[in-house]
C-alpha atoms as a PDB file:
ATOM      1  CA  UNK A   1       0.000   0.000   0.000  1.00  0.00           C
ATOM      2  CA  UNK A   2       1.143   3.547  -0.711  1.00  0.00           C
ATOM      3  CA  UNK A   3      -0.151   5.746   2.094  1.00  0.00           C
ATOM      4  CA  UNK A   4      -0.038   9.433   2.894  1.00  0.00           C
ATOM      5  CA  UNK A   5       3.548  10.483   3.469  1.00  0.00           C
ATOM      6  CA  UNK A   6       4.613  11.456   6.991  1.00  0.00           C
ATOM      7  CA  UNK A   7       7.750  13.166   5.615  1.00  0.00           C
ATOM      8  CA  UNK A   8       6.327  15.385   2.898  1.00  0.00           C
ATOM      9  CA  UNK A   9       8.298  16.166  -0.233  1.00  0.00           C
ATOM     10  CA  UNK A  10       7.471  19.777  -0.982  1.00  0.00           C
ATOM     11  CA  UNK A  11       6.945  20.262  -4.729  1.00  0.00           C
ATOM     12  CA  UNK A  12       8.599  22.989  -6.784  1.00  0.00           C
ATOM     13  CA  UNK A  13       7.789  24.850  -9.988  1.00  0.00           C
ATOM     14  CA  UNK A  14       9.783  22.199 -11.872  1.00  0.00           C
ATOM     15  CA  UNK A  15       7.156  19.707 -10.694  1.00  0.00           C
ATOM     16  CA  UNK A  16       4.419  21.974 -12.060  1.00  0.00           C
ATOM     17  CA  UNK A  17       6.158  22.094 -15.443  1.00  0.00           C
ATOM     18  CA  UNK A  18       6.521  18.298 -15.426  1.00  0.00           C
ATOM     19  CA  UNK A  19       2.811  18.013 -14.576  1.00  0.00           C
ATOM     20  CA  UNK A  20       1.927  20.166 -17.567  1.00  0.00           C
ATOM     21  CA  UNK A  21       3.753  17.726 -19.831  1.00  0.00           C
ATOM     22  CA  UNK A  22       1.895  14.765 -18.319  1.00  0.00           C
ATOM     23  CA  UNK A  23      -1.568  16.289 -18.596  1.00  0.00           C
ATOM     24  CA  UNK A  24      -1.041  17.918 -21.996  1.00  0.00           C
ATOM     25  CA  UNK A  25      -3.775  16.813 -24.377  1.00  0.00           C
ATOM     26  CA  UNK A  26      -5.840  15.371 -21.525  1.00  0.00           C
ATOM     27  CA  UNK A  27      -6.750  18.374 -19.366  1.00  0.00           C
ATOM     28  CA  UNK A  28      -8.428  21.310 -21.085  1.00  0.00           C
ATOM     29  CA  UNK A  29      -6.567  24.583 -21.378  1.00  0.00           C
ATOM     30  CA  UNK A  30      -9.531  26.449 -19.936  1.00  0.00           C
ATOM     31  CA  UNK A  31     -10.491  29.938 -21.118  1.00  0.00           C
ATOM     32  CA  UNK A  32      -9.725  33.170 -19.323  1.00  0.00           C
ATOM     33  CA  UNK A  33     -12.906  35.253 -19.121  1.00  0.00           C
ATOM     34  CA  UNK A  34     -13.344  38.973 -18.573  1.00  0.00           C
ATOM     35  CA  UNK A  35     -16.285  41.213 -17.704  1.00  0.00           C
ATOM     36  CA  UNK A  36     -16.506  44.968 -18.116  1.00  0.00           C
ATOM     37  CA  UNK A  37     -19.247  44.980 -15.481  1.00  0.00           C
ATOM     38  CA  UNK A  38     -17.010  43.221 -12.960  1.00  0.00           C
ATOM     39  CA  UNK A  39     -14.093  45.510 -13.800  1.00  0.00           C
ATOM     40  CA  UNK A  40     -16.253  48.591 -13.267  1.00  0.00           C
ATOM     41  CA  UNK A  41     -17.633  47.260  -9.980  1.00  0.00           C
ATOM     42  CA  UNK A  42     -14.157  46.744  -8.531  1.00  0.00           C
ATOM     43  CA  UNK A  43     -12.196  49.389 -10.414  1.00  0.00           C
ATOM     44  CA  UNK A  44      -9.636  46.822 -11.541  1.00  0.00           C
ATOM     45  CA  UNK A  45      -8.838  44.553 -14.488  1.00  0.00           C
ATOM     46  CA  UNK A  46     -10.112  41.084 -13.593  1.00  0.00           C
ATOM     47  CA  UNK A  47      -9.193  37.851 -15.356  1.00  0.00           C
ATOM     48  CA  UNK A  48     -11.252  34.760 -14.478  1.00  0.00           C
ATOM     49  CA  UNK A  49      -9.603  31.365 -15.070  1.00  0.00           C
ATOM     50  CA  UNK A  50     -12.666  29.236 -15.824  1.00  0.00           C
ATOM     51  CA  UNK A  51     -11.847  25.863 -14.280  1.00  0.00           C
ATOM     52  CA  UNK A  52     -15.591  25.252 -14.039  1.00  0.00           C
ATOM     53  CA  UNK A  53     -15.147  24.334 -17.719  1.00  0.00           C
ATOM     54  CA  UNK A  54     -12.402  21.783 -16.988  1.00  0.00           C
ATOM     55  CA  UNK A  55     -12.930  18.052 -17.605  1.00  0.00           C
ATOM     56  CA  UNK A  56     -15.011  16.733 -14.736  1.00  0.00           C
ATOM     57  CA  UNK A  57     -16.220  20.259 -14.013  1.00  0.00           C
ATOM     58  CA  UNK A  58     -13.340  21.396 -11.790  1.00  0.00           C
ATOM     59  CA  UNK A  59      -9.598  22.014 -11.536  1.00  0.00           C
ATOM     60  CA  UNK A  60      -9.222  18.710  -9.670  1.00  0.00           C
ATOM     61  CA  UNK A  61      -8.788  16.756 -12.909  1.00  0.00           C
ATOM     62  CA  UNK A  62      -5.327  18.296 -13.301  1.00  0.00           C
ATOM     63  CA  UNK A  63      -3.948  16.930 -10.055  1.00  0.00           C
ATOM     64  CA  UNK A  64      -5.764  13.608 -10.290  1.00  0.00           C
ATOM     65  CA  UNK A  65      -4.531  12.814 -13.779  1.00  0.00           C
ATOM     66  CA  UNK A  66      -0.995  13.950 -12.986  1.00  0.00           C
ATOM     67  CA  UNK A  67      -0.875  11.789  -9.850  1.00  0.00           C
ATOM     68  CA  UNK A  68      -2.030   8.609 -11.569  1.00  0.00           C
ATOM     69  CA  UNK A  69       0.247   9.297 -14.529  1.00  0.00           C
ATOM     70  CA  UNK A  70       3.245   9.639 -12.197  1.00  0.00           C
ATOM     71  CA  UNK A  71       2.729   6.166 -10.687  1.00  0.00           C
ATOM     72  CA  UNK A  72       4.831   3.242 -11.862  1.00  0.00           C
ATOM     73  CA  UNK A  73       2.655   1.087 -14.175  1.00  0.00           C
ATOM     74  CA  UNK A  74       2.802  -1.954 -11.870  1.00  0.00           C
ATOM     75  CA  UNK A  75       1.651   0.123  -8.903  1.00  0.00           C
ATOM     76  CA  UNK A  76      -0.986   1.933 -10.969  1.00  0.00           C
ATOM     77  CA  UNK A  77      -2.520  -1.368 -12.057  1.00  0.00           C
ATOM     78  CA  UNK A  78      -3.579  -2.105  -8.461  1.00  0.00           C
ATOM     79  CA  UNK A  79      -5.938   0.849  -8.528  1.00  0.00           C
ATOM     80  CA  UNK A  80      -6.362   4.021  -6.500  1.00  0.00           C
ATOM     81  CA  UNK A  81      -8.300   5.163  -3.429  1.00  0.00           C
ATOM     82  CA  UNK A  82      -9.338   8.687  -2.521  1.00  0.00           C
ATOM     83  CA  UNK A  83     -11.444  10.542   0.038  1.00  0.00           C
ATOM     84  CA  UNK A  84     -13.377  13.534  -1.245  1.00  0.00           C
ATOM     85  CA  UNK A  85     -16.568  15.567  -0.927  1.00  0.00           C
ATOM     86  CA  UNK A  86     -17.021  15.554  -4.669  1.00  0.00           C
ATOM     87  CA  UNK A  87     -14.720  17.245  -7.152  1.00  0.00           C
ATOM     88  CA  UNK A  88     -11.572  15.229  -6.393  1.00  0.00           C
ATOM     89  CA  UNK A  89     -13.804  12.159  -6.334  1.00  0.00           C
ATOM     90  CA  UNK A  90     -15.073  12.825  -9.826  1.00  0.00           C
ATOM     91  CA  UNK A  91     -11.665  13.808 -11.107  1.00  0.00           C
ATOM     92  CA  UNK A  92      -9.891  10.738  -9.782  1.00  0.00           C
ATOM     93  CA  UNK A  93     -12.676   8.445 -10.946  1.00  0.00           C
ATOM     94  CA  UNK A  94     -12.487   9.963 -14.432  1.00  0.00           C
ATOM     95  CA  UNK A  95      -8.684   9.852 -14.565  1.00  0.00           C
ATOM     96  CA  UNK A  96      -8.675   6.238 -13.349  1.00  0.00           C
ATOM     97  CA  UNK A  97     -11.154   5.334 -16.069  1.00  0.00           C
ATOM     98  CA  UNK A  98      -8.884   6.900 -18.694  1.00  0.00           C
ATOM     99  CA  UNK A  99      -5.983   4.791 -17.398  1.00  0.00           C
ATOM    100  CA  UNK A 100      -8.154   1.674 -17.176  1.00  0.00           C
ATOM    101  CA  UNK A 101      -7.616   1.145 -13.432  1.00  0.00           C
ATOM    102  CA  UNK A 102     -10.047   0.770 -10.537  1.00  0.00           C
ATOM    103  CA  UNK A 103     -10.964   3.589  -8.169  1.00  0.00           C
ATOM    104  CA  UNK A 104     -12.635   3.560  -4.744  1.00  0.00           C
ATOM    105  CA  UNK A 105     -13.837   6.911  -3.423  1.00  0.00           C
ATOM    106  CA  UNK A 106     -14.686   7.514   0.245  1.00  0.00           C
ATOM    107  CA  UNK A 107     -17.384  10.219   0.276  1.00  0.00           C
ATOM    108  CA  UNK A 108     -19.446  11.961   2.991  1.00  0.00           C
ATOM    109  CA  UNK A 109     -23.041  10.795   3.188  1.00  0.00           C
ATOM    110  CA  UNK A 110     -24.181  14.406   2.674  1.00  0.00           C
ATOM    111  CA  UNK A 111     -22.314  14.858  -0.603  1.00  0.00           C
ATOM    112  CA  UNK A 112     -24.572  16.452  -3.261  1.00  0.00           C
ATOM    113  CA  UNK A 113     -26.339  13.724  -5.223  1.00  0.00           C
ATOM    114  CA  UNK A 114     -25.063  15.034  -8.555  1.00  0.00           C
ATOM    115  CA  UNK A 115     -21.456  14.554  -7.451  1.00  0.00           C
ATOM    116  CA  UNK A 116     -22.108  11.020  -6.220  1.00  0.00           C
ATOM    117  CA  UNK A 117     -23.846  10.126  -9.485  1.00  0.00           C
ATOM    118  CA  UNK A 118     -21.021  11.589 -11.556  1.00  0.00           C
ATOM    119  CA  UNK A 119     -18.396   9.702  -9.553  1.00  0.00           C
ATOM    120  CA  UNK A 120     -20.226   6.422 -10.041  1.00  0.00           C
ATOM    121  CA  UNK A 121     -20.833   7.329 -13.665  1.00  0.00           C
ATOM    122  CA  UNK A 122     -17.081   7.347 -14.242  1.00  0.00           C
ATOM    123  CA  UNK A 123     -16.946   3.785 -12.936  1.00  0.00           C
ATOM    124  CA  UNK A 124     -15.719   4.307  -9.377  1.00  0.00           C
ATOM    125  CA  UNK A 125     -16.939   2.440  -6.331  1.00  0.00           C
ATOM    126  CA  UNK A 126     -18.305   4.816  -3.655  1.00  0.00           C
ATOM    127  CA  UNK A 127     -17.971   4.114   0.070  1.00  0.00           C
ATOM    128  CA  UNK A 128     -19.886   6.519   2.319  1.00  0.00           C
ATOM    129  CA  UNK A 129     -18.880   7.845   5.740  1.00  0.00           C
ATOM    130  CA  UNK A 130     -20.210  10.359   8.278  1.00  0.00           C
ATOM    131  CA  UNK A 131     -18.005  13.464   8.082  1.00  0.00           C
ATOM    132  CA  UNK A 132     -18.887  14.429  11.671  1.00  0.00           C
ATOM    133  CA  UNK A 133     -18.202  11.094  13.396  1.00  0.00           C
ATOM    134  CA  UNK A 134     -15.889   9.008  11.192  1.00  0.00           C
ATOM    135  CA  UNK A 135     -12.284   9.386   9.978  1.00  0.00           C
ATOM    136  CA  UNK A 136     -12.157   9.358   6.174  1.00  0.00           C
ATOM    137  CA  UNK A 137      -8.400   8.889   6.093  1.00  0.00           C
ATOM    138  CA  UNK A 138      -8.533   5.828   8.343  1.00  0.00           C
ATOM    139  CA  UNK A 139     -11.265   4.314   6.177  1.00  0.00           C
ATOM    140  CA  UNK A 140      -9.209   4.994   3.046  1.00  0.00           C
ATOM    141  CA  UNK A 141      -6.079   3.431   4.565  1.00  0.00           C
ATOM    142  CA  UNK A 142      -8.016   0.294   5.441  1.00  0.00           C
ATOM    143  CA  UNK A 143      -9.442  -0.058   1.932  1.00  0.00           C
ATOM    144  CA  UNK A 144      -6.060   0.594   0.317  1.00  0.00           C
ATOM    145  CA  UNK A 145      -4.410  -2.008   2.562  1.00  0.00           C
ATOM    146  CA  UNK A 146      -7.050  -4.604   1.726  1.00  0.00           C
ATOM    147  CA  UNK A 147      -6.737  -4.036  -2.022  1.00  0.00           C
ATOM    148  CA  UNK A 148      -3.082  -3.114  -2.433  1.00  0.00           C
ATOM    149  CA  UNK A 149      -4.168   0.193  -3.941  1.00  0.00           C
ATOM    150  CA  UNK A 150      -2.549   3.633  -3.787  1.00  0.00           C
ATOM    151  CA  UNK A 151      -4.123   6.470  -1.816  1.00  0.00           C
ATOM    152  CA  UNK A 152      -4.261   9.755  -3.720  1.00  0.00           C
ATOM    153  CA  UNK A 153      -5.592  12.346  -1.265  1.00  0.00           C
ATOM    154  CA  UNK A 154      -7.421  15.448  -2.500  1.00  0.00           C
ATOM    155  CA  UNK A 155      -4.762  18.024  -1.613  1.00  0.00           C
ATOM    156  CA  UNK A 156      -1.961  16.766   0.657  1.00  0.00           C
ATOM    157  CA  UNK A 157       0.160  15.176  -2.090  1.00  0.00           C
ATOM    158  CA  UNK A 158       3.075  16.545  -4.118  1.00  0.00           C
ATOM    159  CA  UNK A 159       1.809  15.365  -7.518  1.00  0.00           C
ATOM    160  CA  UNK A 160      -1.687  16.679  -6.787  1.00  0.00           C
ATOM    161  CA  UNK A 161      -0.275  20.104  -5.870  1.00  0.00           C
ATOM    162  CA  UNK A 162       1.900  20.188  -8.992  1.00  0.00           C
ATOM    163  CA  UNK A 163      -1.026  19.305 -11.223  1.00  0.00           C
ATOM    164  CA  UNK A 164      -3.244  21.985  -9.699  1.00  0.00           C
ATOM    165  CA  UNK A 165      -0.499  24.555 -10.266  1.00  0.00           C
ATOM    166  CA  UNK A 166      -0.869  24.202 -14.018  1.00  0.00           C
ATOM    167  CA  UNK A 167      -4.067  26.298 -13.983  1.00  0.00           C
ATOM    168  CA  UNK A 168      -2.236  29.388 -12.702  1.00  0.00           C
ATOM    169  CA  UNK A 169       0.669  28.637 -15.045  1.00  0.00           C
ATOM    170  CA  UNK A 170      -1.718  28.789 -18.028  1.00  0.00           C
ATOM    171  CA  UNK A 171      -3.429  31.914 -16.692  1.00  0.00           C
ATOM    172  CA  UNK A 172      -0.229  33.913 -16.267  1.00  0.00           C
ATOM    173  CA  UNK A 173       1.262  32.738 -19.549  1.00  0.00           C
ATOM    174  CA  UNK A 174      -1.894  33.905 -21.331  1.00  0.00           C
ATOM    175  CA  UNK A 175      -2.441  37.308 -19.713  1.00  0.00           C
ATOM    176  CA  UNK A 176       1.067  38.272 -18.584  1.00  0.00           C
ATOM    177  CA  UNK A 177       2.059  40.024 -15.374  1.00  0.00           C
ATOM    178  CA  UNK A 178      -0.578  40.368 -12.663  1.00  0.00           C
ATOM    179  CA  UNK A 179      -0.592  42.230  -9.367  1.00  0.00           C
ATOM    180  CA  UNK A 180      -2.801  39.759  -7.493  1.00  0.00           C
ATOM    181  CA  UNK A 181      -3.645  36.092  -7.860  1.00  0.00           C
ATOM    182  CA  UNK A 182      -6.746  35.157  -5.846  1.00  0.00           C
ATOM    183  CA  UNK A 183      -7.463  31.461  -5.293  1.00  0.00           C
ATOM    184  CA  UNK A 184     -10.058  29.393  -3.386  1.00  0.00           C
ATOM    185  CA  UNK A 185      -8.706  27.546  -0.358  1.00  0.00           C
ATOM    186  CA  UNK A 186      -9.955  24.274   1.056  1.00  0.00           C
ATOM    187  CA  UNK A 187      -7.119  21.904   1.882  1.00  0.00           C
ATOM    188  CA  UNK A 188      -4.571  24.018   0.060  1.00  0.00           C
ATOM    189  CA  UNK A 189      -3.586  22.012  -3.021  1.00  0.00           C
ATOM    190  CA  UNK A 190      -4.832  24.574  -5.523  1.00  0.00           C
ATOM    191  CA  UNK A 191      -3.491  27.541  -3.571  1.00  0.00           C
ATOM    192  CA  UNK A 192      -0.065  25.940  -3.034  1.00  0.00           C
ATOM    193  CA  UNK A 193       0.271  24.907  -6.679  1.00  0.00           C
ATOM    194  CA  UNK A 194      -0.897  28.328  -7.826  1.00  0.00           C
ATOM    195  CA  UNK A 195       1.678  29.970  -5.566  1.00  0.00           C
ATOM    196  CA  UNK A 196       4.482  27.912  -7.135  1.00  0.00           C
ATOM    197  CA  UNK A 197       3.489  29.106 -10.603  1.00  0.00           C
ATOM    198  CA  UNK A 198       2.862  32.715  -9.619  1.00  0.00           C
ATOM    199  CA  UNK A 199       6.161  33.154  -7.788  1.00  0.00           C
ATOM    200  CA  UNK A 200       8.052  31.709 -10.746  1.00  0.00           C
ATOM    201  CA  UNK A 201       6.250  33.617 -13.505  1.00  0.00           C
ATOM    202  CA  UNK A 202       5.136  36.831 -11.773  1.00  0.00           C
ATOM    203  CA  UNK A 203       7.434  37.320  -8.755  1.00  0.00           C
ATOM    204  CA  UNK A 204       5.865  40.637  -7.737  1.00  0.00           C
ATOM    205  CA  UNK A 205       2.357  39.171  -7.625  1.00  0.00           C
ATOM    206  CA  UNK A 206       0.549  39.024  -4.273  1.00  0.00           C
ATOM    207  CA  UNK A 207      -1.120  35.652  -3.731  1.00  0.00           C
ATOM    208  CA  UNK A 208      -4.340  35.626  -1.704  1.00  0.00           C
ATOM    209  CA  UNK A 209      -6.306  32.591  -0.551  1.00  0.00           C
ATOM    210  CA  UNK A 210     -10.043  32.712   0.172  1.00  0.00           C
ATOM    211  CA  UNK A 211     -11.990  30.478   2.563  1.00  0.00           C
ATOM    212  CA  UNK A 212     -15.617  30.368   3.726  1.00  0.00           C
ATOM    213  CA  UNK A 213     -16.189  32.332   6.929  1.00  0.00           C
ATOM    214  CA  UNK A 214     -17.198  29.201   8.793  1.00  0.00           C
ATOM    215  CA  UNK A 215     -13.983  27.355   7.926  1.00  0.00           C
ATOM    216  CA  UNK A 216     -10.985  29.656   8.340  1.00  0.00           C
ATOM    217  CA  UNK A 217      -8.395  27.068   9.386  1.00  0.00           C
ATOM    218  CA  UNK A 218      -6.046  28.296   6.657  1.00  0.00           C
ATOM    219  CA  UNK A 219      -6.242  31.897   7.794  1.00  0.00           C
ATOM    220  CA  UNK A 220      -5.649  30.876  11.409  1.00  0.00           C
ATOM    221  CA  UNK A 221      -2.719  28.695  10.355  1.00  0.00           C
ATOM    222  CA  UNK A 222      -1.062  31.441   8.321  1.00  0.00           C
ATOM    223  CA  UNK A 223      -1.324  33.901  11.197  1.00  0.00           C
ATOM    224  CA  UNK A 224      -0.073  31.424  13.799  1.00  0.00           C
ATOM    225  CA  UNK A 225       2.696  30.008  11.630  1.00  0.00           C
ATOM    226  CA  UNK A 226       1.619  26.401  12.154  1.00  0.00           C
ATOM    227  CA  UNK A 227      -1.219  24.163  11.028  1.00  0.00           C
ATOM    228  CA  UNK A 228      -4.390  24.846  13.035  1.00  0.00           C
ATOM    229  CA  UNK A 229      -7.180  22.257  13.161  1.00  0.00           C
ATOM    230  CA  UNK A 230     -10.815  23.286  13.536  1.00  0.00           C
ATOM    231  CA  UNK A 231     -14.138  21.415  13.916  1.00  0.00           C
ATOM    232  CA  UNK A 232     -15.908  20.425  10.708  1.00  0.00           C
ATOM    233  CA  UNK A 233     -17.344  23.704   9.374  1.00  0.00           C
ATOM    234  CA  UNK A 234     -20.790  24.198   7.863  1.00  0.00           C
ATOM    235  CA  UNK A 235     -21.058  26.259   4.661  1.00  0.00           C
ATOM    236  CA  UNK A 236     -22.570  26.028   1.211  1.00  0.00           C
ATOM    237  CA  UNK A 237     -18.951  25.856  -0.047  1.00  0.00           C
ATOM    238  CA  UNK A 238     -18.958  22.069   0.304  1.00  0.00           C
ATOM    239  CA  UNK A 239     -15.602  21.695  -1.471  1.00  0.00           C
ATOM    240  CA  UNK A 240     -13.860  23.780   1.203  1.00  0.00           C
ATOM    241  CA  UNK A 241     -15.151  22.097   4.364  1.00  0.00           C
ATOM    242  CA  UNK A 242     -11.708  20.930   5.436  1.00  0.00           C
ATOM    243  CA  UNK A 243     -10.538  21.074   9.041  1.00  0.00           C
ATOM    244  CA  UNK A 244      -6.836  21.708   8.372  1.00  0.00           C
ATOM    245  CA  UNK A 245      -4.456  22.351   5.476  1.00  0.00           C
ATOM    246  CA  UNK A 246      -2.029  19.715   4.242  1.00  0.00           C
ATOM    247  CA  UNK A 247       1.540  19.084   5.380  1.00  0.00           C
ATOM    248  CA  UNK A 248       2.719  19.320   1.766  1.00  0.00           C
ATOM    249  CA  UNK A 249       0.819  22.568   1.232  1.00  0.00           C
ATOM    250  CA  UNK A 250       1.459  24.606   4.348  1.00  0.00           C
ATOM    251  CA  UNK A 251       5.191  25.247   3.851  1.00  0.00           C
ATOM    252  CA  UNK A 252       4.371  26.775   0.464  1.00  0.00           C
ATOM    253  CA  UNK A 253       1.475  28.817   1.839  1.00  0.00           C
ATOM    254  CA  UNK A 254       3.619  30.051   4.735  1.00  0.00           C
ATOM    255  CA  UNK A 255       6.417  31.078   2.367  1.00  0.00           C
ATOM    256  CA  UNK A 256       4.532  32.480  -0.606  1.00  0.00           C
ATOM    257  CA  UNK A 257       0.968  33.520   0.309  1.00  0.00           C
ATOM    258  CA  UNK A 258       0.421  37.171   1.236  1.00  0.00           C
ATOM    259  CA  UNK A 259      -2.877  36.726   3.056  1.00  0.00           C
ATOM    260  CA  UNK A 260      -5.953  34.543   3.482  1.00  0.00           C
ATOM    261  CA  UNK A 261      -9.387  36.184   3.707  1.00  0.00           C
ATOM    262  CA  UNK A 262     -12.915  34.868   4.138  1.00  0.00           C
ATOM    263  CA  UNK A 263     -16.332  35.429   2.561  1.00  0.00           C
ATOM    264  CA  UNK A 264     -19.858  34.683   3.746  1.00  0.00           C
ATOM    265  CA  UNK A 265     -22.326  32.241   2.248  1.00  0.00           C
ATOM    266  CA  UNK A 266     -24.476  35.218   1.267  1.00  0.00           C
ATOM    267  CA  UNK A 267     -21.589  36.703  -0.720  1.00  0.00           C
ATOM    268  CA  UNK A 268     -21.038  33.362  -2.438  1.00  0.00           C
ATOM    269  CA  UNK A 269     -24.698  33.291  -3.500  1.00  0.00           C
ATOM    270  CA  UNK A 270     -24.508  36.836  -4.873  1.00  0.00           C
ATOM    271  CA  UNK A 271     -21.398  35.872  -6.814  1.00  0.00           C
ATOM    272  CA  UNK A 272     -23.081  32.777  -8.239  1.00  0.00           C
ATOM    273  CA  UNK A 273     -25.927  35.039  -9.374  1.00  0.00           C
ATOM    274  CA  UNK A 274     -23.506  37.488 -10.977  1.00  0.00           C
ATOM    275  CA  UNK A 275     -21.836  34.759 -13.024  1.00  0.00           C
ATOM    276  CA  UNK A 276     -25.166  33.285 -14.122  1.00  0.00           C
ATOM    277  CA  UNK A 277     -26.823  36.593 -15.029  1.00  0.00           C
ATOM    278  CA  UNK A 278     -23.933  38.640 -16.376  1.00  0.00           C
ATOM    279  CA  UNK A 279     -21.363  36.127 -17.645  1.00  0.00           C
ATOM    280  CA  UNK A 280     -23.730  33.238 -18.496  1.00  0.00           C
ATOM    281  CA  UNK A 281     -21.758  30.559 -16.647  1.00  0.00           C
ATOM    282  CA  UNK A 282     -22.544  28.267 -13.711  1.00  0.00           C
ATOM    283  CA  UNK A 283     -20.001  28.326 -10.890  1.00  0.00           C
ATOM    284  CA  UNK A 284     -20.490  26.264  -7.733  1.00  0.00           C
ATOM    285  CA  UNK A 285     -20.293  27.952  -4.297  1.00  0.00           C
ATOM    286  CA  UNK A 286     -16.731  26.786  -3.622  1.00  0.00           C
ATOM    287  CA  UNK A 287     -15.720  27.896  -7.095  1.00  0.00           C
ATOM    288  CA  UNK A 288     -16.934  31.411  -6.271  1.00  0.00           C
ATOM    289  CA  UNK A 289     -14.737  31.918  -3.204  1.00  0.00           C
ATOM    290  CA  UNK A 290     -11.967  33.922  -4.876  1.00  0.00           C
ATOM    291  CA  UNK A 291     -14.305  35.964  -7.044  1.00  0.00           C
ATOM    292  CA  UNK A 292     -16.577  36.768  -4.077  1.00  0.00           C
ATOM    293  CA  UNK A 293     -13.639  38.177  -2.135  1.00  0.00           C
ATOM    294  CA  UNK A 294     -12.711  40.497  -5.002  1.00  0.00           C
ATOM    295  CA  UNK A 295     -16.242  41.511  -5.975  1.00  0.00           C
ATOM    296  CA  UNK A 296     -17.234  42.242  -2.355  1.00  0.00           C
ATOM    297  CA  UNK A 297     -14.161  44.244  -1.434  1.00  0.00           C
ATOM    298  CA  UNK A 298     -12.339  41.803   0.871  1.00  0.00           C
ATOM    299  CA  UNK A 299      -9.164  42.547  -1.086  1.00  0.00           C
ATOM    300  CA  UNK A 300      -8.001  46.092  -1.887  1.00  0.00           C
ATOM    301  CA  UNK A 301      -7.103  45.810  -5.561  1.00  0.00           C
ATOM    302  CA  UNK A 302      -8.318  49.048  -7.177  1.00  0.00           C
ATOM    303  CA  UNK A 303      -6.356  49.841 -10.314  1.00  0.00           C
ATOM    304  CA  UNK A 304      -4.638  46.450 -10.348  1.00  0.00           C
ATOM    305  CA  UNK A 305      -4.517  43.443 -12.681  1.00  0.00           C
ATOM    306  CA  UNK A 306      -6.102  40.549 -10.819  1.00  0.00           C
ATOM    307  CA  UNK A 307      -6.126  36.870 -11.732  1.00  0.00           C
ATOM    308  CA  UNK A 308      -9.031  34.933 -10.190  1.00  0.00           C
ATOM    309  CA  UNK A 309      -9.424  31.157 -10.241  1.00  0.00           C
ATOM    310  CA  UNK A 310     -12.994  29.866 -10.611  1.00  0.00           C
ATOM    311  CA  UNK A 311     -12.288  26.415  -9.258  1.00  0.00           C
ATOM    312  CA  UNK A 312     -15.396  24.460 -10.277  1.00  0.00           C
ATOM    313  CA  UNK A 313     -18.950  24.340 -11.543  1.00  0.00           C
ATOM    314  CA  UNK A 314     -20.340  21.122 -10.087  1.00  0.00           C
ATOM    315  CA  UNK A 315     -23.640  22.130  -8.536  1.00  0.00           C
ATOM    316  CA  UNK A 316     -26.943  20.457  -9.389  1.00  0.00           C
ATOM    317  CA  UNK A 317     -29.615  22.739 -10.798  1.00  0.00           C
ATOM    318  CA  UNK A 318     -32.061  22.110  -7.945  1.00  0.00           C
ATOM    319  CA  UNK A 319     -29.508  23.295  -5.383  1.00  0.00           C
ATOM    320  CA  UNK A 320     -28.371  26.129  -7.635  1.00  0.00           C
ATOM    321  CA  UNK A 321     -31.911  27.435  -8.053  1.00  0.00           C
ATOM    322  CA  UNK A 322     -32.728  27.023  -4.366  1.00  0.00           C
ATOM    323  CA  UNK A 323     -29.671  29.043  -3.360  1.00  0.00           C
ATOM    324  CA  UNK A 324     -30.440  31.852  -5.777  1.00  0.00           C
ATOM    325  CA  UNK A 325     -34.119  31.847  -4.741  1.00  0.00           C
ATOM    326  CA  UNK A 326     -33.190  31.945  -1.065  1.00  0.00           C
ATOM    327  CA  UNK A 327     -35.155  28.791  -0.299  1.00  0.00           C
END
């Protein structure tokens, strides 16, 4: 069994560049969208990296595919195991299907039905757990041990981080120098990978992470200088309901991230509405974290060039409509 490392190897920008080679032709080079209305609202030039249009509906496909690709073929053939609230689940299931290997995904019982259906639709086996009373990592270790499979966690993994960093790499290569890069933060894989790319390609850029108000473990950790664990938060940003950032991620966040801010569920809903009404795209609550912080003034960026990662679009229409209707 390959388990979660206790001595983390911290990835570098070279790992991000290697990940781009592995995922080339498999992951979409997603578009960078702009909005004059959004620019006028903030008084800045905003560039939205639309990972809601990525394969599997979220940035997670990048890290999942890169991680499976990096495995030795003999190890890969034994299959993979992951724990995830949805987007990593779908991404790993899809990537495993492309490689022709088995995947078992440990998912919370309260995961949105659309995400469960999509994960199963890609051929993965789903094992449910209670996020408030059970340990998803322990369950995953047991399954991996029984099957000889490799655990690929959603964020605390060098190859996952490197794969996620390719989104920011593409963004900066397309639009050039930016003053801010604003990125959603759950467990930290996307933010850490983005920081590796931003510091290499735009050294003067300030990197900001954004969490839901109810789950600010990352912000607390950055201020304290060590990983802080919190109780399981409750927010509509279901992809960011982590209780602590990863060991592989935190050294990068501590070194490279300027600040971590939070937004409310109400601000996430308003941002979802903005994207649907003005830009004609569906972005899930977690995917709106970075944009909500910019659009609602949590970051002072007037007159600046701001890159914003829209991390995913996996929200079922019933939930989407209920949130926008306030019901």
